[in-house]
Amino acid sequence: MSQKEKAMDTYKMADEFIDLANRMLTAEGKELEDVGAAIRYAAARFSSHEVAYRSSDLAAEKKDAVDWYTSHFNEMLNENFDQHIEHIAAEKEKTAAENH
């Protein structure tokens, strides 16, 4: 599988989690903050499981793993914030153009 195909597969899987979260919000009436907290907890729990499964010395590898996951989460979070900022700006421009 190429890097591009792997990335697309990752995004597709992420979209499945987002679809589940959206169903929790709409069909089950869960609160946005609670769904967000559950996703973050699940990500932390599964990530620690991933490291533990592959580790020969989890206690020794914990700090490096936490640093790696924190760095990657930070990159992904910033990327998604930037996408939201761009989307909001485009919507404001569209609304302004429609009102003139």
PDB file of N, CA and C in Angstrom:
ATOM      1  N   MET A   1       0.853  -1.179   0.000  1.00  0.00           N
ATOM      2  CA  MET A   1       0.000   0.000   0.000  1.00  0.00           C
ATOM      3  C   MET A   1       0.893   1.234   0.000  1.00  0.00           C
ATOM      4  N   SER A   2       0.617   2.168  -0.884  1.00  0.00           N
ATOM      5  CA  SER A   2       1.400   3.398  -0.958  1.00  0.00           C
ATOM      6  C   SER A   2       1.101   4.287   0.260  1.00  0.00           C
ATOM      7  N   GLN A   3       1.975   5.265   0.477  1.00  0.00           N
ATOM      8  CA  GLN A   3       1.766   6.204   1.582  1.00  0.00           C
ATOM      9  C   GLN A   3       0.447   6.950   1.412  1.00  0.00           C
ATOM     10  N   LYS A   4       0.133   7.346   0.176  1.00  0.00           N
ATOM     11  CA  LYS A   4      -1.111   8.071  -0.082  1.00  0.00           C
ATOM     12  C   LYS A   4      -2.312   7.184   0.223  1.00  0.00           C
ATOM     13  N   GLU A   5      -2.253   5.916  -0.208  1.00  0.00           N
ATOM     14  CA  GLU A   5      -3.357   4.992   0.067  1.00  0.00           C
ATOM     15  C   GLU A   5      -3.507   4.752   1.565  1.00  0.00           C
ATOM     16  N   LYS A   6      -2.374   4.635   2.251  1.00  0.00           N
ATOM     17  CA  LYS A   6      -2.406   4.426   3.699  1.00  0.00           C
ATOM     18  C   LYS A   6      -3.033   5.632   4.404  1.00  0.00           C
ATOM     19  N   ALA A   7      -2.662   6.836   3.956  1.00  0.00           N
ATOM     20  CA  ALA A   7      -3.230   8.055   4.542  1.00  0.00           C
ATOM     21  C   ALA A   7      -4.734   8.113   4.298  1.00  0.00           C
ATOM     22  N   MET A   8      -5.150   7.790   3.076  1.00  0.00           N
ATOM     23  CA  MET A   8      -6.581   7.812   2.753  1.00  0.00           C
ATOM     24  C   MET A   8      -7.339   6.783   3.604  1.00  0.00           C
ATOM     25  N   ASP A   9      -6.746   5.627   3.829  1.00  0.00           N
ATOM     26  CA  ASP A   9      -7.365   4.608   4.674  1.00  0.00           C
ATOM     27  C   ASP A   9      -7.489   5.106   6.114  1.00  0.00           C
ATOM     28  N   THR A  10      -6.458   5.793   6.585  1.00  0.00           N
ATOM     29  CA  THR A  10      -6.494   6.364   7.936  1.00  0.00           C
ATOM     30  C   THR A  10      -7.612   7.385   8.053  1.00  0.00           C
ATOM     31  N   TYR A  11      -7.736   8.281   7.060  1.00  0.00           N
ATOM     32  CA  TYR A  11      -8.796   9.288   7.085  1.00  0.00           C
ATOM     33  C   TYR A  11     -10.174   8.632   7.040  1.00  0.00           C
ATOM     34  N   LYS A  12     -10.300   7.564   6.261  1.00  0.00           N
ATOM     35  CA  LYS A  12     -11.583   6.859   6.171  1.00  0.00           C
ATOM     36  C   LYS A  12     -11.964   6.254   7.528  1.00  0.00           C
ATOM     37  N   MET A  13     -10.983   5.632   8.196  1.00  0.00           N
ATOM     38  CA  MET A  13     -11.260   5.074   9.520  1.00  0.00           C
ATOM     39  C   MET A  13     -11.632   6.179  10.503  1.00  0.00           C
ATOM     40  N   ALA A  14     -10.925   7.309  10.445  1.00  0.00           N
ATOM     41  CA  ALA A  14     -11.234   8.430  11.330  1.00  0.00           C
ATOM     42  C   ALA A  14     -12.657   8.922  11.079  1.00  0.00           C
ATOM     43  N   ASP A  15     -13.054   8.973   9.807  1.00  0.00           N
ATOM     44  CA  ASP A  15     -14.417   9.400   9.478  1.00  0.00           C
ATOM     45  C   ASP A  15     -15.456   8.458  10.070  1.00  0.00           C
ATOM     46  N   GLU A  16     -15.134   7.173  10.173  1.00  0.00           N
ATOM     47  CA  GLU A  16     -16.065   6.220  10.789  1.00  0.00           C
ATOM     48  C   GLU A  16     -16.251   6.528  12.275  1.00  0.00           C
ATOM     49  N   PHE A  17     -15.173   6.909  12.965  1.00  0.00           N
ATOM     50  CA  PHE A  17     -15.287   7.299  14.369  1.00  0.00           C
ATOM     51  C   PHE A  17     -16.101   8.596  14.499  1.00  0.00           C
ATOM     52  N   ILE A  18     -15.871   9.528  13.582  1.00  0.00           N
ATOM     53  CA  ILE A  18     -16.620  10.785  13.604  1.00  0.00           C
ATOM     54  C   ILE A  18     -18.100  10.533  13.343  1.00  0.00           C
ATOM     55  N   ASP A  19     -18.408   9.620  12.418  1.00  0.00           N
ATOM     56  CA  ASP A  19     -19.812   9.258  12.162  1.00  0.00           C
ATOM     57  C   ASP A  19     -20.459   8.697  13.428  1.00  0.00           C
ATOM     58  N   LEU A  20     -19.737   7.843  14.145  1.00  0.00           N
ATOM     59  CA  LEU A  20     -20.262   7.288  15.395  1.00  0.00           C
ATOM     60  C   LEU A  20     -20.500   8.412  16.412  1.00  0.00           C
ATOM     61  N   ALA A  21     -19.558   9.329  16.513  1.00  0.00           N
ATOM     62  CA  ALA A  21     -19.711  10.451  17.440  1.00  0.00           C
ATOM     63  C   ALA A  21     -20.922  11.298  17.070  1.00  0.00           C
ATOM     64  N   ASN A  22     -21.103  11.540  15.785  1.00  0.00           N
ATOM     65  CA  ASN A  22     -22.256  12.329  15.345  1.00  0.00           C
ATOM     66  C   ASN A  22     -23.573  11.618  15.647  1.00  0.00           C
ATOM     67  N   ARG A  23     -23.600  10.299  15.516  1.00  0.00           N
ATOM     68  CA  ARG A  23     -24.813   9.545  15.882  1.00  0.00           C
ATOM     69  C   ARG A  23     -25.087   9.650  17.376  1.00  0.00           C
ATOM     70  N   MET A  24     -24.034   9.630  18.184  1.00  0.00           N
ATOM     71  CA  MET A  24     -24.221   9.792  19.628  1.00  0.00           C
ATOM     72  C   MET A  24     -24.838  11.154  19.936  1.00  0.00           C
ATOM     73  N   LEU A  25     -24.422  12.171  19.194  1.00  0.00           N
ATOM     74  CA  LEU A  25     -24.962  13.518  19.402  1.00  0.00           C
ATOM     75  C   LEU A  25     -26.410  13.616  18.953  1.00  0.00           C
ATOM     76  N   THR A  26     -26.707  13.087  17.773  1.00  0.00           N
ATOM     77  CA  THR A  26     -28.034  13.287  17.197  1.00  0.00           C
ATOM     78  C   THR A  26     -29.038  12.237  17.658  1.00  0.00           C
ATOM     79  N   ALA A  27     -28.710  10.980  17.523  1.00  0.00           N
ATOM     80  CA  ALA A  27     -29.671   9.927  17.826  1.00  0.00           C
ATOM     81  C   ALA A  27     -29.781   9.644  19.324  1.00  0.00           C
ATOM     82  N   GLU A  28     -28.666   9.802  20.031  1.00  0.00           N
ATOM     83  CA  GLU A  28     -28.674   9.474  21.464  1.00  0.00           C
ATOM     84  C   GLU A  28     -28.759  10.703  22.360  1.00  0.00           C
ATOM     85  N   GLY A  29     -28.634  11.880  21.777  1.00  0.00           N
ATOM     86  CA  GLY A  29     -28.751  13.108  22.554  1.00  0.00           C
ATOM     87  C   GLY A  29     -27.623  13.361  23.530  1.00  0.00           C
ATOM     88  N   LYS A  30     -26.459  12.786  23.274  1.00  0.00           N
ATOM     89  CA  LYS A  30     -25.303  13.025  24.153  1.00  0.00           C
ATOM     90  C   LYS A  30     -24.810  14.456  23.978  1.00  0.00           C
ATOM     91  N   GLU A  31     -24.139  14.961  24.978  1.00  0.00           N
ATOM     92  CA  GLU A  31     -23.582  16.310  24.940  1.00  0.00           C
ATOM     93  C   GLU A  31     -22.263  16.308  24.170  1.00  0.00           C
ATOM     94  N   LEU A  32     -22.018  17.380  23.409  1.00  0.00           N
ATOM     95  CA  LEU A  32     -20.807  17.522  22.610  1.00  0.00           C
ATOM     96  C   LEU A  32     -19.546  17.322  23.456  1.00  0.00           C
ATOM     97  N   GLU A  33     -19.510  17.958  24.625  1.00  0.00           N
ATOM     98  CA  GLU A  33     -18.332  17.863  25.489  1.00  0.00           C
ATOM     99  C   GLU A  33     -18.093  16.426  25.949  1.00  0.00           C
ATOM    100  N   ASP A  34     -19.186  15.704  26.226  1.00  0.00           N
ATOM    101  CA  ASP A  34     -19.058  14.324  26.695  1.00  0.00           C
ATOM    102  C   ASP A  34     -18.566  13.402  25.585  1.00  0.00           C
ATOM    103  N   VAL A  35     -19.064  13.609  24.380  1.00  0.00           N
ATOM    104  CA  VAL A  35     -18.617  12.795  23.245  1.00  0.00           C
ATOM    105  C   VAL A  35     -17.143  13.083  22.958  1.00  0.00           C
ATOM    106  N   GLY A  36     -16.766  14.355  22.982  1.00  0.00           N
ATOM    107  CA  GLY A  36     -15.367  14.719  22.772  1.00  0.00           C
ATOM    108  C   GLY A  36     -14.459  14.097  23.821  1.00  0.00           C
ATOM    109  N   ALA A  37     -14.874  14.152  25.078  1.00  0.00           N
ATOM    110  CA  ALA A  37     -14.078  13.554  26.157  1.00  0.00           C
ATOM    111  C   ALA A  37     -13.950  12.047  25.970  1.00  0.00           C
ATOM    112  N   ALA A  38     -15.027  11.406  25.536  1.00  0.00           N
ATOM    113  CA  ALA A  38     -14.994   9.957  25.322  1.00  0.00           C
ATOM    114  C   ALA A  38     -14.038   9.589  24.192  1.00  0.00           C
ATOM    115  N   ILE A  39     -14.056  10.374  23.118  1.00  0.00           N
ATOM    116  CA  ILE A  39     -13.139  10.104  21.996  1.00  0.00           C
ATOM    117  C   ILE A  39     -11.694  10.278  22.441  1.00  0.00           C
ATOM    118  N   ARG A  40     -11.402  11.344  23.170  1.00  0.00           N
ATOM    119  CA  ARG A  40     -10.027  11.564  23.633  1.00  0.00           C
ATOM    120  C   ARG A  40      -9.593  10.454  24.576  1.00  0.00           C
ATOM    121  N   TYR A  41     -10.496  10.036  25.474  1.00  0.00           N
ATOM    122  CA  TYR A  41     -10.153   8.952  26.394  1.00  0.00           C
ATOM    123  C   TYR A  41      -9.909   7.653  25.624  1.00  0.00           C
ATOM    124  N   ALA A  42     -10.765   7.373  24.663  1.00  0.00           N
ATOM    125  CA  ALA A  42     -10.599   6.160  23.857  1.00  0.00           C
ATOM    126  C   ALA A  42      -9.279   6.196  23.092  1.00  0.00           C
ATOM    127  N   ALA A  43      -8.934   7.356  22.541  1.00  0.00           N
ATOM    128  CA  ALA A  43      -7.669   7.482  21.807  1.00  0.00           C
ATOM    129  C   ALA A  43      -6.479   7.252  22.740  1.00  0.00           C
ATOM    130  N   ALA A  44      -6.538   7.818  23.937  1.00  0.00           N
ATOM    131  CA  ALA A  44      -5.455   7.629  24.900  1.00  0.00           C
ATOM    132  C   ALA A  44      -5.365   6.169  25.338  1.00  0.00           C
ATOM    133  N   ARG A  45      -6.505   5.582  25.592  1.00  0.00           N
ATOM    134  CA  ARG A  45      -6.528   4.186  26.045  1.00  0.00           C
ATOM    135  C   ARG A  45      -6.011   3.246  24.962  1.00  0.00           C
ATOM    136  N   PHE A  46      -6.458   3.435  23.727  1.00  0.00           N
ATOM    137  CA  PHE A  46      -6.022   2.561  22.648  1.00  0.00           C
ATOM    138  C   PHE A  46      -4.551   2.803  22.317  1.00  0.00           C
ATOM    139  N   SER A  47      -4.114   4.060  22.378  1.00  0.00           N
ATOM    140  CA  SER A  47      -2.708   4.365  22.107  1.00  0.00           C
ATOM    141  C   SER A  47      -1.794   3.717  23.141  1.00  0.00           C
ATOM    142  N   SER A  48      -2.180   3.771  24.410  1.00  0.00           N
ATOM    143  CA  SER A  48      -1.346   3.125  25.435  1.00  0.00           C
ATOM    144  C   SER A  48      -1.352   1.610  25.245  1.00  0.00           C
ATOM    145  N   HIS A  49      -2.466   1.052  24.806  1.00  0.00           N
ATOM    146  CA  HIS A  49      -2.524  -0.379  24.503  1.00  0.00           C
ATOM    147  C   HIS A  49      -1.589  -0.717  23.337  1.00  0.00           C
ATOM    148  N   GLU A  50      -1.607   0.125  22.295  1.00  0.00           N
ATOM    149  CA  GLU A  50      -0.738  -0.093  21.133  1.00  0.00           C
ATOM    150  C   GLU A  50       0.727  -0.150  21.550  1.00  0.00           C
ATOM    151  N   VAL A  51       1.143   0.798  22.385  1.00  0.00           N
ATOM    152  CA  VAL A  51       2.533   0.827  22.849  1.00  0.00           C
ATOM    153  C   VAL A  51       2.822  -0.378  23.739  1.00  0.00           C
ATOM    154  N   ALA A  52       1.928  -0.667  24.658  1.00  0.00           N
ATOM    155  CA  ALA A  52       2.145  -1.793  25.566  1.00  0.00           C
ATOM    156  C   ALA A  52       2.263  -3.110  24.808  1.00  0.00           C
ATOM    157  N   TYR A  53       1.475  -3.274  23.771  1.00  0.00           N
ATOM    158  CA  TYR A  53       1.475  -4.501  22.975  1.00  0.00           C
ATOM    159  C   TYR A  53       2.815  -4.717  22.283  1.00  0.00           C
ATOM    160  N   ARG A  54       3.440  -3.624  21.851  1.00  0.00           N
ATOM    161  CA  ARG A  54       4.691  -3.727  21.097  1.00  0.00           C
ATOM    162  C   ARG A  54       5.938  -3.539  21.958  1.00  0.00           C
ATOM    163  N   SER A  55       5.754  -3.203  23.208  1.00  0.00           N
ATOM    164  CA  SER A  55       6.876  -2.825  24.055  1.00  0.00           C
ATOM    165  C   SER A  55       7.525  -4.024  24.727  1.00  0.00           C
ATOM    166  N   SER A  56       8.839  -3.915  24.883  1.00  0.00           N
ATOM    167  CA  SER A  56       9.551  -4.916  25.681  1.00  0.00           C
ATOM    168  C   SER A  56       9.786  -4.392  27.095  1.00  0.00           C
ATOM    169  N   ASP A  57       9.696  -3.057  27.287  1.00  0.00           N
ATOM    170  CA  ASP A  57       9.861  -2.446  28.602  1.00  0.00           C
ATOM    171  C   ASP A  57       9.033  -1.158  28.640  1.00  0.00           C
ATOM    172  N   LEU A  58       7.762  -1.314  28.939  1.00  0.00           N
ATOM    173  CA  LEU A  58       6.831  -0.191  28.882  1.00  0.00           C
ATOM    174  C   LEU A  58       7.234   0.953  29.809  1.00  0.00           C
ATOM    175  N   ALA A  59       7.671   0.626  30.994  1.00  0.00           N
ATOM    176  CA  ALA A  59       8.058   1.678  31.939  1.00  0.00           C
ATOM    177  C   ALA A  59       9.203   2.515  31.373  1.00  0.00           C
ATOM    178  N   ALA A  60      10.162   1.885  30.730  1.00  0.00           N
ATOM    179  CA  ALA A  60      11.306   2.605  30.161  1.00  0.00           C
ATOM    180  C   ALA A  60      10.911   3.390  28.909  1.00  0.00           C
ATOM    181  N   GLU A  61       9.923   2.918  28.176  1.00  0.00           N
ATOM    182  CA  GLU A  61       9.532   3.530  26.910  1.00  0.00           C
ATOM    183  C   GLU A  61       8.393   4.538  27.048  1.00  0.00           C
ATOM    184  N   LYS A  62       7.802   4.613  28.245  1.00  0.00           N
ATOM    185  CA  LYS A  62       6.614   5.437  28.442  1.00  0.00           C
ATOM    186  C   LYS A  62       6.829   6.899  28.057  1.00  0.00           C
ATOM    187  N   LYS A  63       7.890   7.533  28.555  1.00  0.00           N
ATOM    188  CA  LYS A  63       8.094   8.966  28.286  1.00  0.00           C
ATOM    189  C   LYS A  63       8.241   9.225  26.793  1.00  0.00           C
ATOM    190  N   ASP A  64       9.045   8.431  26.098  1.00  0.00           N
ATOM    191  CA  ASP A  64       9.210   8.630  24.653  1.00  0.00           C
ATOM    192  C   ASP A  64       7.886   8.439  23.925  1.00  0.00           C
ATOM    193  N   ALA A  65       7.109   7.452  24.338  1.00  0.00           N
ATOM    194  CA  ALA A  65       5.815   7.199  23.699  1.00  0.00           C
ATOM    195  C   ALA A  65       4.863   8.374  23.938  1.00  0.00           C
ATOM    196  N   VAL A  66       4.792   8.857  25.166  1.00  0.00           N
ATOM    197  CA  VAL A  66       3.925   9.999  25.480  1.00  0.00           C
ATOM    198  C   VAL A  66       4.360  11.214  24.666  1.00  0.00           C
ATOM    199  N   ASP A  67       5.657  11.449  24.583  1.00  0.00           N
ATOM    200  CA  ASP A  67       6.156  12.588  23.797  1.00  0.00           C
ATOM    201  C   ASP A  67       5.778  12.434  22.326  1.00  0.00           C
ATOM    202  N   TRP A  68       5.924  11.234  21.771  1.00  0.00           N
ATOM    203  CA  TRP A  68       5.609  10.989  20.366  1.00  0.00           C
ATOM    204  C   TRP A  68       4.127  11.204  20.095  1.00  0.00           C
ATOM    205  N   TYR A  69       3.278  10.602  20.920  1.00  0.00           N
ATOM    206  CA  TYR A  69       1.831  10.747  20.721  1.00  0.00           C
ATOM    207  C   TYR A  69       1.387  12.199  20.926  1.00  0.00           C
ATOM    208  N   THR A  70       1.942  12.876  21.912  1.00  0.00           N
ATOM    209  CA  THR A  70       1.591  14.263  22.164  1.00  0.00           C
ATOM    210  C   THR A  70       1.972  15.138  20.979  1.00  0.00           C
ATOM    211  N   SER A  71       3.152  14.919  20.436  1.00  0.00           N
ATOM    212  CA  SER A  71       3.604  15.687  19.280  1.00  0.00           C
ATOM    213  C   SER A  71       2.692  15.462  18.075  1.00  0.00           C
ATOM    214  N   HIS A  72       2.357  14.211  17.817  1.00  0.00           N
ATOM    215  CA  HIS A  72       1.491  13.911  16.674  1.00  0.00           C
ATOM    216  C   HIS A  72       0.069  14.439  16.880  1.00  0.00           C
ATOM    217  N   PHE A  73      -0.453  14.332  18.086  1.00  0.00           N
ATOM    218  CA  PHE A  73      -1.780  14.886  18.352  1.00  0.00           C
ATOM    219  C   PHE A  73      -1.765  16.392  18.142  1.00  0.00           C
ATOM    220  N   ASN A  74      -0.722  17.047  18.608  1.00  0.00           N
ATOM    221  CA  ASN A  74      -0.596  18.492  18.447  1.00  0.00           C
ATOM    222  C   ASN A  74      -0.601  18.871  16.962  1.00  0.00           C
ATOM    223  N   GLU A  75       0.142  18.147  16.139  1.00  0.00           N
ATOM    224  CA  GLU A  75       0.163  18.411  14.699  1.00  0.00           C
ATOM    225  C   GLU A  75      -1.233  18.240  14.088  1.00  0.00           C
ATOM    226  N   MET A  76      -1.897  17.142  14.426  1.00  0.00           N
ATOM    227  CA  MET A  76      -3.225  16.872  13.869  1.00  0.00           C
ATOM    228  C   MET A  76      -4.247  17.900  14.350  1.00  0.00           C
ATOM    229  N   LEU A  77      -4.160  18.271  15.617  1.00  0.00           N
ATOM    230  CA  LEU A  77      -5.087  19.256  16.167  1.00  0.00           C
ATOM    231  C   LEU A  77      -4.905  20.607  15.473  1.00  0.00           C
ATOM    232  N   ASN A  78      -3.669  21.031  15.306  1.00  0.00           N
ATOM    233  CA  ASN A  78      -3.410  22.301  14.617  1.00  0.00           C
ATOM    234  C   ASN A  78      -3.884  22.254  13.170  1.00  0.00           C
ATOM    235  N   GLU A  79      -3.661  21.151  12.487  1.00  0.00           N
ATOM    236  CA  GLU A  79      -4.119  21.004  11.102  1.00  0.00           C
ATOM    237  C   GLU A  79      -5.641  21.146  11.022  1.00  0.00           C
ATOM    238  N   ASN A  80      -6.341  20.517  11.946  1.00  0.00           N
ATOM    239  CA  ASN A  80      -7.806  20.585  11.933  1.00  0.00           C
ATOM    240  C   ASN A  80      -8.319  21.964  12.336  1.00  0.00           C
ATOM    241  N   PHE A  81      -7.667  22.623  13.285  1.00  0.00           N
ATOM    242  CA  PHE A  81      -8.042  24.001  13.611  1.00  0.00           C
ATOM    243  C   PHE A  81      -7.874  24.894  12.386  1.00  0.00           C
ATOM    244  N   ASP A  82      -6.751  24.745  11.690  1.00  0.00           N
ATOM    245  CA  ASP A  82      -6.513  25.561  10.490  1.00  0.00           C
ATOM    246  C   ASP A  82      -7.599  25.324   9.445  1.00  0.00           C
ATOM    247  N   GLN A  83      -8.035  24.075   9.279  1.00  0.00           N
ATOM    248  CA  GLN A  83      -9.105  23.776   8.331  1.00  0.00           C
ATOM    249  C   GLN A  83     -10.409  24.462   8.744  1.00  0.00           C
ATOM    250  N   HIS A  84     -10.716  24.440  10.036  1.00  0.00           N
ATOM    251  CA  HIS A  84     -11.925  25.118  10.520  1.00  0.00           C
ATOM    252  C   HIS A  84     -11.829  26.627  10.309  1.00  0.00           C
ATOM    253  N   ILE A  85     -10.667  27.191  10.584  1.00  0.00           N
ATOM    254  CA  ILE A  85     -10.471  28.635  10.402  1.00  0.00           C
ATOM    255  C   ILE A  85     -10.671  29.004   8.939  1.00  0.00           C
ATOM    256  N   GLU A  86     -10.098  28.225   8.029  1.00  0.00           N
ATOM    257  CA  GLU A  86     -10.267  28.483   6.589  1.00  0.00           C
ATOM    258  C   GLU A  86     -11.731  28.363   6.183  1.00  0.00           C
ATOM    259  N   HIS A  87     -12.416  27.346   6.694  1.00  0.00           N
ATOM    260  CA  HIS A  87     -13.826  27.133   6.353  1.00  0.00           C
ATOM    261  C   HIS A  87     -14.687  28.300   6.839  1.00  0.00           C
ATOM    262  N   ILE A  88     -14.456  28.729   8.067  1.00  0.00           N
ATOM    263  CA  ILE A  88     -15.232  29.838   8.635  1.00  0.00           C
ATOM    264  C   ILE A  88     -14.984  31.110   7.835  1.00  0.00           C
ATOM    265  N   ALA A  89     -13.721  31.369   7.468  1.00  0.00           N
ATOM    266  CA  ALA A  89     -13.401  32.562   6.685  1.00  0.00           C
ATOM    267  C   ALA A  89     -14.085  32.507   5.317  1.00  0.00           C
ATOM    268  N   ALA A  90     -14.076  31.337   4.687  1.00  0.00           N
ATOM    269  CA  ALA A  90     -14.724  31.189   3.373  1.00  0.00           C
ATOM    270  C   ALA A  90     -16.230  31.404   3.478  1.00  0.00           C
ATOM    271  N   GLU A  91     -16.835  30.895   4.536  1.00  0.00           N
ATOM    272  CA  GLU A  91     -18.277  31.086   4.735  1.00  0.00           C
ATOM    273  C   GLU A  91     -18.613  32.552   4.953  1.00  0.00           C
ATOM    274  N   LYS A  92     -17.765  33.274   5.710  1.00  0.00           N
ATOM    275  CA  LYS A  92     -17.994  34.701   5.936  1.00  0.00           C
ATOM    276  C   LYS A  92     -17.886  35.468   4.628  1.00  0.00           C
ATOM    277  N   GLU A  93     -16.891  35.131   3.811  1.00  0.00           N
ATOM    278  CA  GLU A  93     -16.728  35.791   2.510  1.00  0.00           C
ATOM    279  C   GLU A  93     -17.936  35.502   1.615  1.00  0.00           C
ATOM    280  N   LYS A  94     -18.402  34.278   1.619  1.00  0.00           N
ATOM    281  CA  LYS A  94     -19.559  33.887   0.800  1.00  0.00           C
ATOM    282  C   LYS A  94     -20.799  34.657   1.235  1.00  0.00           C
ATOM    283  N   THR A  95     -21.023  34.744   2.543  1.00  0.00           N
ATOM    284  CA  THR A  95     -22.174  35.473   3.077  1.00  0.00           C
ATOM    285  C   THR A  95     -22.081  36.956   2.734  1.00  0.00           C
ATOM    286  N   ALA A  96     -20.899  37.517   2.860  1.00  0.00           N
ATOM    287  CA  ALA A  96     -20.705  38.936   2.542  1.00  0.00           C
ATOM    288  C   ALA A  96     -20.968  39.199   1.062  1.00  0.00           C
ATOM    289  N   ALA A  97     -20.508  38.311   0.208  1.00  0.00           N
ATOM    290  CA  ALA A  97     -20.723  38.474  -1.245  1.00  0.00           C
ATOM    291  C   ALA A  97     -22.201  38.350  -1.600  1.00  0.00           C
ATOM    292  N   GLU A  98     -22.906  37.482  -0.920  1.00  0.00           N
ATOM    293  CA  GLU A  98     -24.338  37.290  -1.182  1.00  0.00           C
ATOM    294  C   GLU A  98     -25.160  38.492  -0.707  1.00  0.00           C
ATOM    295  N   ASN A  99     -24.680  39.196   0.296  1.00  0.00           N
ATOM    296  CA  ASN A  99     -25.405  40.340   0.861  1.00  0.00           C
ATOM    297  C   ASN A  99     -25.117  41.654   0.144  1.00  0.00           C
ATOM    298  N   HIS A 100     -24.249  41.628  -0.863  1.00  0.00           N
ATOM    299  CA  HIS A 100     -23.937  42.867  -1.586  1.00  0.00           C
ATOM    300  C   HIS A 100     -24.570  42.883  -2.930  1.00  0.00           C
TER     301      HIS A 100
END
